[in-house]
């Protein structure tokens, strides 16, 4: 990768940004700037049950205070305040879901969270995978695989007729087979992804070439019942729409890339490079949370006139060579 890169900072307006967000934004901003590229700001507001406009305004103010320029698209000549929002892209997500439905790669799941928990706690529960969008988009949790086999067709029809919404789960084994048969794409720099017909892979500028293992997720939820999409599906479609060539995000999300690489192959999308960087931790060594107001940028703005002092409290910027990905 020896040309200008397009990165993105994609916060959710569910609360005030904190020092961890500032670090993530600076990593994306600085790597884009080093290459002569741009950082796109995207507002990840698909979860209408938690997102608030007041926090979106605070995101703009925080980035202005930090002195981090951002763009609404790769073609913008000047930075501005017209950041793309996920809530405006629901038609694109629905089109992607329909593609999976038409290929028979997803099935509806009418099990509630309580029912899933009861199944998981049963003495002879079916095999479990590691991530469930019904529980959390970011935090791994156990989930039953192949849930279409746990409810009869009659019971599924009854729940549908009663107006119960369904989550849509990916038929993982079938999806992997199809993806592997169409995995000859190349990255944004024109180099081969390293796929050999038997594996999917991606390049991380800190961890090197990675082999995707999406099977670990089981039949993961691709569209939640309450918001009709998932973090996994939306972020893959968003990065393609925004022309992102380098995804920078915390290493707590590195595991998600296994699934995202699979979705990129299923939709025949270009594969960006990645940089999963360190997290900013509190004094107890725990990841910062939005509920901890002591680390919020809004609070910091009231205390500090010079935001540059904040970056001294953060991990060093990752040493990334944007001139090659061997």
Protein backbone atom coordinates (compact mmCIF):
# COMPACT_ATOMS: atom_id res chain seq x y z
CA UNK A 1 0.00 0.00 0.00
CA UNK A 2 2.06 2.93 -1.27
CA UNK A 3 -0.69 5.40 -2.23
CA UNK A 4 -3.06 7.63 -0.20
CA UNK A 5 -5.21 5.55 2.10
CA UNK A 6 -8.80 6.10 3.17
CA UNK A 7 -9.44 5.38 6.84
CA UNK A 8 -12.55 5.92 8.91
CA UNK A 9 -13.60 6.77 12.44
CA UNK A 10 -17.06 5.37 13.12
CA UNK A 11 -18.35 6.18 16.62
CA UNK A 12 -21.86 5.41 17.85
CA UNK A 13 -23.76 8.39 19.33
CA UNK A 14 -24.87 6.48 22.43
CA UNK A 15 -22.94 8.57 24.94
CA UNK A 16 -20.00 10.96 25.30
CA UNK A 17 -16.74 9.98 23.60
CA UNK A 18 -13.82 9.17 25.91
CA UNK A 19 -10.03 9.00 25.70
CA UNK A 20 -10.21 5.65 23.94
CA UNK A 21 -12.26 7.18 21.14
CA UNK A 22 -9.79 10.06 20.89
CA UNK A 23 -6.94 7.59 20.44
CA UNK A 24 -8.84 5.58 17.81
CA UNK A 25 -9.67 8.77 15.91
CA UNK A 26 -6.06 9.97 16.05
CA UNK A 27 -4.72 6.64 14.76
CA UNK A 28 -7.11 6.77 11.79
CA UNK A 29 -6.40 10.46 11.20
CA UNK A 30 -2.61 10.21 11.42
CA UNK A 31 -2.27 7.14 9.20
CA UNK A 32 -4.44 8.78 6.56
CA UNK A 33 -2.46 12.01 6.79
CA UNK A 34 0.90 10.23 6.58
CA UNK A 35 -0.11 8.75 3.24
CA UNK A 36 -1.74 11.92 1.91
CA UNK A 37 -5.14 10.31 2.32
CA UNK A 38 -8.30 11.11 4.28
CA UNK A 39 -10.16 10.00 7.38
CA UNK A 40 -13.90 9.62 6.88
CA UNK A 41 -16.19 10.23 9.83
CA UNK A 42 -19.17 7.90 9.83
CA UNK A 43 -21.90 8.04 12.46
CA UNK A 44 -22.89 4.48 13.38
CA UNK A 45 -26.44 5.15 14.50
CA UNK A 46 -28.32 2.04 13.41
CA UNK A 47 -29.31 1.23 17.00
CA UNK A 48 -32.20 3.68 17.21
CA UNK A 49 -33.02 2.46 20.71
CA UNK A 50 -29.81 3.98 22.12
CA UNK A 51 -28.53 6.68 19.73
CA UNK A 52 -29.17 10.37 20.43
CA UNK A 53 -28.60 13.44 18.23
CA UNK A 54 -27.03 15.34 21.13
CA UNK A 55 -24.16 12.87 21.17
CA UNK A 56 -23.64 13.28 17.42
CA UNK A 57 -23.18 17.02 17.96
CA UNK A 58 -20.71 16.25 20.73
CA UNK A 59 -18.73 14.00 18.36
CA UNK A 60 -18.30 16.92 15.95
CA UNK A 61 -17.25 19.23 18.79
CA UNK A 62 -14.80 16.69 20.21
CA UNK A 63 -13.04 16.15 16.88
CA UNK A 64 -12.85 19.91 16.30
CA UNK A 65 -11.31 20.38 19.75
CA UNK A 66 -8.79 17.59 19.13
CA UNK A 67 -7.83 19.22 15.82
CA UNK A 68 -8.59 16.09 13.78
CA UNK A 69 -9.84 16.83 10.26
CA UNK A 70 -12.37 14.48 8.75
CA UNK A 71 -14.27 14.08 5.49
CA UNK A 72 -17.69 12.79 4.54
CA UNK A 73 -16.36 10.90 1.51
CA UNK A 74 -13.12 10.05 -0.24
CA UNK A 75 -13.92 12.57 -2.98
CA UNK A 76 -14.46 15.56 -0.67
CA UNK A 77 -11.99 18.40 -1.19
CA UNK A 78 -12.68 20.00 2.19
CA UNK A 79 -13.60 18.70 5.61
CA UNK A 80 -17.09 19.42 6.89
CA UNK A 81 -20.04 18.35 9.01
CA UNK A 82 -21.96 16.17 6.57
CA UNK A 83 -20.85 12.83 7.95
CA UNK A 84 -22.65 9.81 6.48
CA UNK A 85 -25.02 8.08 8.88
CA UNK A 86 -25.90 4.43 9.02
CA UNK A 87 -29.55 5.29 9.61
CA UNK A 88 -29.61 6.70 6.06
CA UNK A 89 -28.25 3.49 4.57
CA UNK A 90 -30.93 0.99 5.58
CA UNK A 91 -31.90 0.36 1.91
CA UNK A 92 -28.30 -0.73 1.20
CA UNK A 93 -28.31 -3.07 4.18
CA UNK A 94 -31.67 -4.52 3.20
CA UNK A 95 -30.43 -5.10 -0.35
CA UNK A 96 -27.41 -6.95 1.03
CA UNK A 97 -29.62 -9.07 3.29
CA UNK A 98 -31.91 -9.87 0.36
CA UNK A 99 -28.89 -11.04 -1.61
CA UNK A 100 -28.12 -13.51 1.16
CA UNK A 101 -31.78 -14.53 1.38
CA UNK A 102 -32.03 -15.13 -2.36
CA UNK A 103 -28.96 -17.38 -2.17
CA UNK A 104 -30.45 -19.34 0.72
CA UNK A 105 -27.58 -18.31 2.99
CA UNK A 106 -29.68 -17.02 5.88
CA UNK A 107 -32.70 -18.26 7.81
CA UNK A 108 -35.07 -16.60 10.30
CA UNK A 109 -34.56 -17.24 14.01
CA UNK A 110 -37.56 -16.67 16.28
CA UNK A 111 -35.87 -17.71 19.53
CA UNK A 112 -35.85 -15.03 22.20
CA UNK A 113 -32.77 -14.16 24.24
CA UNK A 114 -34.31 -15.94 27.24
CA UNK A 115 -34.91 -19.09 25.20
CA UNK A 116 -31.34 -19.02 23.91
CA UNK A 117 -30.00 -18.65 27.46
CA UNK A 118 -32.13 -21.57 28.63
CA UNK A 119 -30.87 -23.73 25.79
CA UNK A 120 -27.28 -22.82 26.59
CA UNK A 121 -27.75 -23.72 30.26
CA UNK A 122 -29.32 -27.09 29.48
CA UNK A 123 -27.16 -30.12 30.46
CA UNK A 124 -27.09 -31.44 26.89
CA UNK A 125 -27.16 -28.19 24.93
CA UNK A 126 -26.25 -28.27 21.22
CA UNK A 127 -22.78 -27.05 20.18
CA UNK A 128 -22.23 -23.36 20.86
CA UNK A 129 -20.34 -20.73 18.88
CA UNK A 130 -18.85 -17.50 20.20
CA UNK A 131 -20.73 -14.38 19.08
CA UNK A 132 -24.42 -13.53 19.00
CA UNK A 133 -25.72 -10.21 17.70
CA UNK A 134 -28.90 -10.74 19.75
CA UNK A 135 -26.74 -10.34 22.84
CA UNK A 136 -24.00 -7.92 21.78
CA UNK A 137 -22.37 -6.70 18.60
CA UNK A 138 -19.00 -6.25 20.24
CA UNK A 139 -18.71 -8.59 23.21
CA UNK A 140 -18.34 -12.33 22.48
CA UNK A 141 -20.99 -14.54 24.05
CA UNK A 142 -22.08 -18.14 23.61
CA UNK A 143 -24.89 -18.85 21.16
CA UNK A 144 -26.68 -21.89 19.84
CA UNK A 145 -25.83 -22.78 16.25
CA UNK A 146 -28.34 -24.06 13.68
CA UNK A 147 -31.34 -22.58 15.46
CA UNK A 148 -33.60 -23.31 12.50
CA UNK A 149 -33.52 -26.93 13.67
CA UNK A 150 -34.67 -26.05 17.19
CA UNK A 151 -38.15 -24.82 16.28
CA UNK A 152 -40.63 -26.73 14.14
CA UNK A 153 -41.89 -25.14 10.94
CA UNK A 154 -45.33 -24.99 12.56
CA UNK A 155 -44.00 -23.07 15.56
CA UNK A 156 -42.03 -20.70 13.35
CA UNK A 157 -45.16 -20.02 11.31
CA UNK A 158 -47.17 -19.43 14.49
CA UNK A 159 -44.66 -16.89 15.80
CA UNK A 160 -44.51 -15.14 12.44
CA UNK A 161 -48.31 -14.92 12.27
CA UNK A 162 -48.35 -13.49 15.79
CA UNK A 163 -46.16 -10.63 14.59
CA UNK A 164 -42.95 -11.71 16.28
CA UNK A 165 -39.89 -10.37 14.49
CA UNK A 166 -37.13 -12.73 13.45
CA UNK A 167 -33.40 -12.34 13.49
CA UNK A 168 -31.63 -13.64 10.39
CA UNK A 169 -28.77 -16.08 10.90
CA UNK A 170 -26.08 -16.99 8.41
CA UNK A 171 -25.83 -20.63 7.33
CA UNK A 172 -22.15 -20.67 8.16
CA UNK A 173 -21.03 -23.92 6.56
CA UNK A 174 -22.76 -23.14 3.26
CA UNK A 175 -21.53 -19.55 3.30
CA UNK A 176 -17.92 -20.65 3.74
CA UNK A 177 -18.19 -23.12 0.84
CA UNK A 178 -19.54 -20.41 -1.47
CA UNK A 179 -17.00 -17.83 -0.33
CA UNK A 180 -14.09 -20.17 -0.93
CA UNK A 181 -15.27 -20.79 -4.46
CA UNK A 182 -15.15 -17.04 -5.14
CA UNK A 183 -12.07 -15.92 -3.21
CA UNK A 184 -9.75 -14.86 -6.00
CA UNK A 185 -10.16 -11.11 -5.45
CA UNK A 186 -7.32 -8.71 -4.83
CA UNK A 187 -6.72 -5.91 -2.37
CA UNK A 188 -6.89 -2.18 -3.06
CA UNK A 189 -3.18 -2.11 -3.83
CA UNK A 190 -3.57 -4.68 -6.61
CA UNK A 191 -1.78 -7.42 -4.68
CA UNK A 192 -3.29 -10.83 -4.17
CA UNK A 193 -4.99 -11.41 -0.84
CA UNK A 194 -2.99 -14.57 -0.34
CA UNK A 195 -6.08 -16.77 -0.68
CA UNK A 196 -5.31 -20.19 -2.08
CA UNK A 197 -8.75 -21.57 -2.86
CA UNK A 198 -8.90 -23.24 0.54
CA UNK A 199 -8.67 -20.24 2.85
CA UNK A 200 -9.67 -16.60 3.14
CA UNK A 201 -7.19 -14.08 4.51
CA UNK A 202 -6.50 -10.42 5.16
CA UNK A 203 -3.46 -8.29 5.97
CA UNK A 204 -3.07 -6.55 9.32
CA UNK A 205 -0.28 -3.96 9.45
CA UNK A 206 0.54 -4.91 13.04
CA UNK A 207 -0.13 -8.66 13.07
CA UNK A 208 0.72 -9.58 9.47
CA UNK A 209 -1.19 -11.92 7.18
CA UNK A 210 -4.18 -13.49 8.93
CA UNK A 211 -6.16 -16.59 7.94
CA UNK A 212 -9.90 -16.17 8.41
CA UNK A 213 -11.73 -18.68 10.59
CA UNK A 214 -15.38 -17.57 10.41
CA UNK A 215 -16.62 -21.05 11.37
CA UNK A 216 -15.89 -20.17 15.01
CA UNK A 217 -18.99 -17.95 15.06
CA UNK A 218 -21.47 -20.64 14.10
CA UNK A 219 -24.69 -19.43 12.51
CA UNK A 220 -24.14 -15.82 13.53
CA UNK A 221 -26.94 -13.24 13.48
CA UNK A 222 -26.62 -11.06 10.37
CA UNK A 223 -29.76 -8.98 10.94
CA UNK A 224 -31.17 -8.34 14.39
CA UNK A 225 -34.91 -8.52 14.90
CA UNK A 226 -35.11 -5.08 16.51
CA UNK A 227 -33.04 -3.03 14.03
CA UNK A 228 -33.16 -5.22 10.89
CA UNK A 229 -29.37 -5.28 10.48
CA UNK A 230 -26.26 -6.06 12.55
CA UNK A 231 -22.93 -4.43 13.23
CA UNK A 232 -21.21 -7.09 11.13
CA UNK A 233 -23.34 -6.64 8.02
CA UNK A 234 -23.53 -2.85 8.24
CA UNK A 235 -19.81 -2.25 8.76
CA UNK A 236 -18.83 -4.39 5.78
CA UNK A 237 -21.30 -2.60 3.50
CA UNK A 238 -20.33 0.81 4.91
CA UNK A 239 -16.60 0.35 4.39
CA UNK A 240 -17.25 -0.66 0.79
CA UNK A 241 -19.56 2.31 0.18
CA UNK A 242 -17.05 4.71 1.72
CA UNK A 243 -14.11 3.32 -0.24
CA UNK A 244 -12.16 2.55 2.94
CA UNK A 245 -8.78 1.02 2.14
CA UNK A 246 -7.38 0.77 5.68
CA UNK A 247 -9.63 -0.19 8.60
CA UNK A 248 -8.21 1.04 11.90
CA UNK A 249 -9.93 -0.08 15.09
CA UNK A 250 -9.20 -1.47 18.56
CA UNK A 251 -7.75 -4.94 18.90
CA UNK A 252 -10.88 -5.94 20.82
CA UNK A 253 -12.59 -6.06 17.41
CA UNK A 254 -9.88 -8.09 15.70
CA UNK A 255 -11.88 -11.31 16.06
CA UNK A 256 -14.78 -9.77 14.12
CA UNK A 257 -12.58 -9.52 11.03
CA UNK A 258 -12.84 -13.29 10.55
CA UNK A 259 -16.55 -12.86 9.90
CA UNK A 260 -16.17 -9.60 7.97
CA UNK A 261 -13.72 -11.25 5.59
CA UNK A 262 -16.31 -13.93 4.88
CA UNK A 263 -18.99 -11.34 4.14
CA UNK A 264 -16.63 -9.45 1.83
CA UNK A 265 -16.13 -12.64 -0.15
CA UNK A 266 -19.87 -13.37 -0.31
CA UNK A 267 -20.59 -9.87 -1.66
CA UNK A 268 -17.49 -9.86 -3.93
CA UNK A 269 -16.16 -6.71 -2.23
CA UNK A 270 -12.60 -5.41 -2.25
CA UNK A 271 -10.64 -6.32 0.86
CA UNK A 272 -9.14 -3.42 2.83
CA UNK A 273 -6.00 -3.68 4.92
CA UNK A 274 -6.40 -3.58 8.70
CA UNK A 275 -4.66 -2.12 11.72
CA UNK A 276 -6.01 -3.40 15.03
CA UNK A 277 -4.37 -1.13 17.57
CA UNK A 278 -4.06 -1.17 21.35
CA UNK A 279 -6.81 0.12 23.61
CA UNK A 280 -6.61 2.94 26.14
CA UNK A 281 -7.12 1.38 29.57
CA UNK A 282 -8.01 2.81 32.96
CA UNK A 283 -5.81 2.54 36.05
CA UNK A 284 -7.27 -0.89 36.77
CA UNK A 285 -6.29 -2.12 33.32
CA UNK A 286 -9.87 -2.22 32.04
CA UNK A 287 -11.18 -0.82 28.77
CA UNK A 288 -12.76 2.60 29.09
CA UNK A 289 -16.56 2.78 28.97
CA UNK A 290 -18.88 5.62 28.01
CA UNK A 291 -20.59 5.44 31.39
CA UNK A 292 -17.32 6.53 33.04
CA UNK A 293 -17.70 10.31 32.77
CA UNK A 294 -14.24 10.95 34.28
CA UNK A 295 -12.65 9.98 30.97
CA UNK A 296 -15.16 11.70 28.67
CA UNK A 297 -13.82 14.20 26.17
CA UNK A 298 -16.62 16.57 27.12
CA UNK A 299 -15.25 16.64 30.66
CA UNK A 300 -11.71 16.99 29.36
CA UNK A 301 -12.68 20.01 27.24
CA UNK A 302 -13.87 21.76 30.39
CA UNK A 303 -10.60 21.05 32.20
CA UNK A 304 -7.94 21.37 29.49
CA UNK A 305 -7.35 24.27 27.14
CA UNK A 306 -4.76 22.27 25.19
CA UNK A 307 -5.95 18.83 24.01
CA UNK A 308 -2.41 17.82 23.02
CA UNK A 309 -1.75 16.95 26.67
CA UNK A 310 -4.29 14.12 26.40
CA UNK A 311 -2.31 12.17 23.84
CA UNK A 312 0.57 11.79 26.28
CA UNK A 313 -1.73 9.58 28.37
CA UNK A 314 -2.34 7.22 25.48
CA UNK A 315 -0.35 4.36 23.91
CA UNK A 316 2.19 5.38 21.25
CA UNK A 317 0.87 5.62 17.73
CA UNK A 318 1.22 2.22 16.01
CA UNK A 319 4.34 1.85 13.88
CA UNK A 320 2.79 1.10 10.50
CA UNK A 321 4.59 0.86 7.18
CA UNK A 322 2.12 1.95 4.53
CA UNK A 323 4.55 1.18 1.72
CA UNK A 324 4.07 -2.56 1.67
CA UNK A 325 2.04 -5.44 3.08
CA UNK A 326 4.27 -8.44 2.59
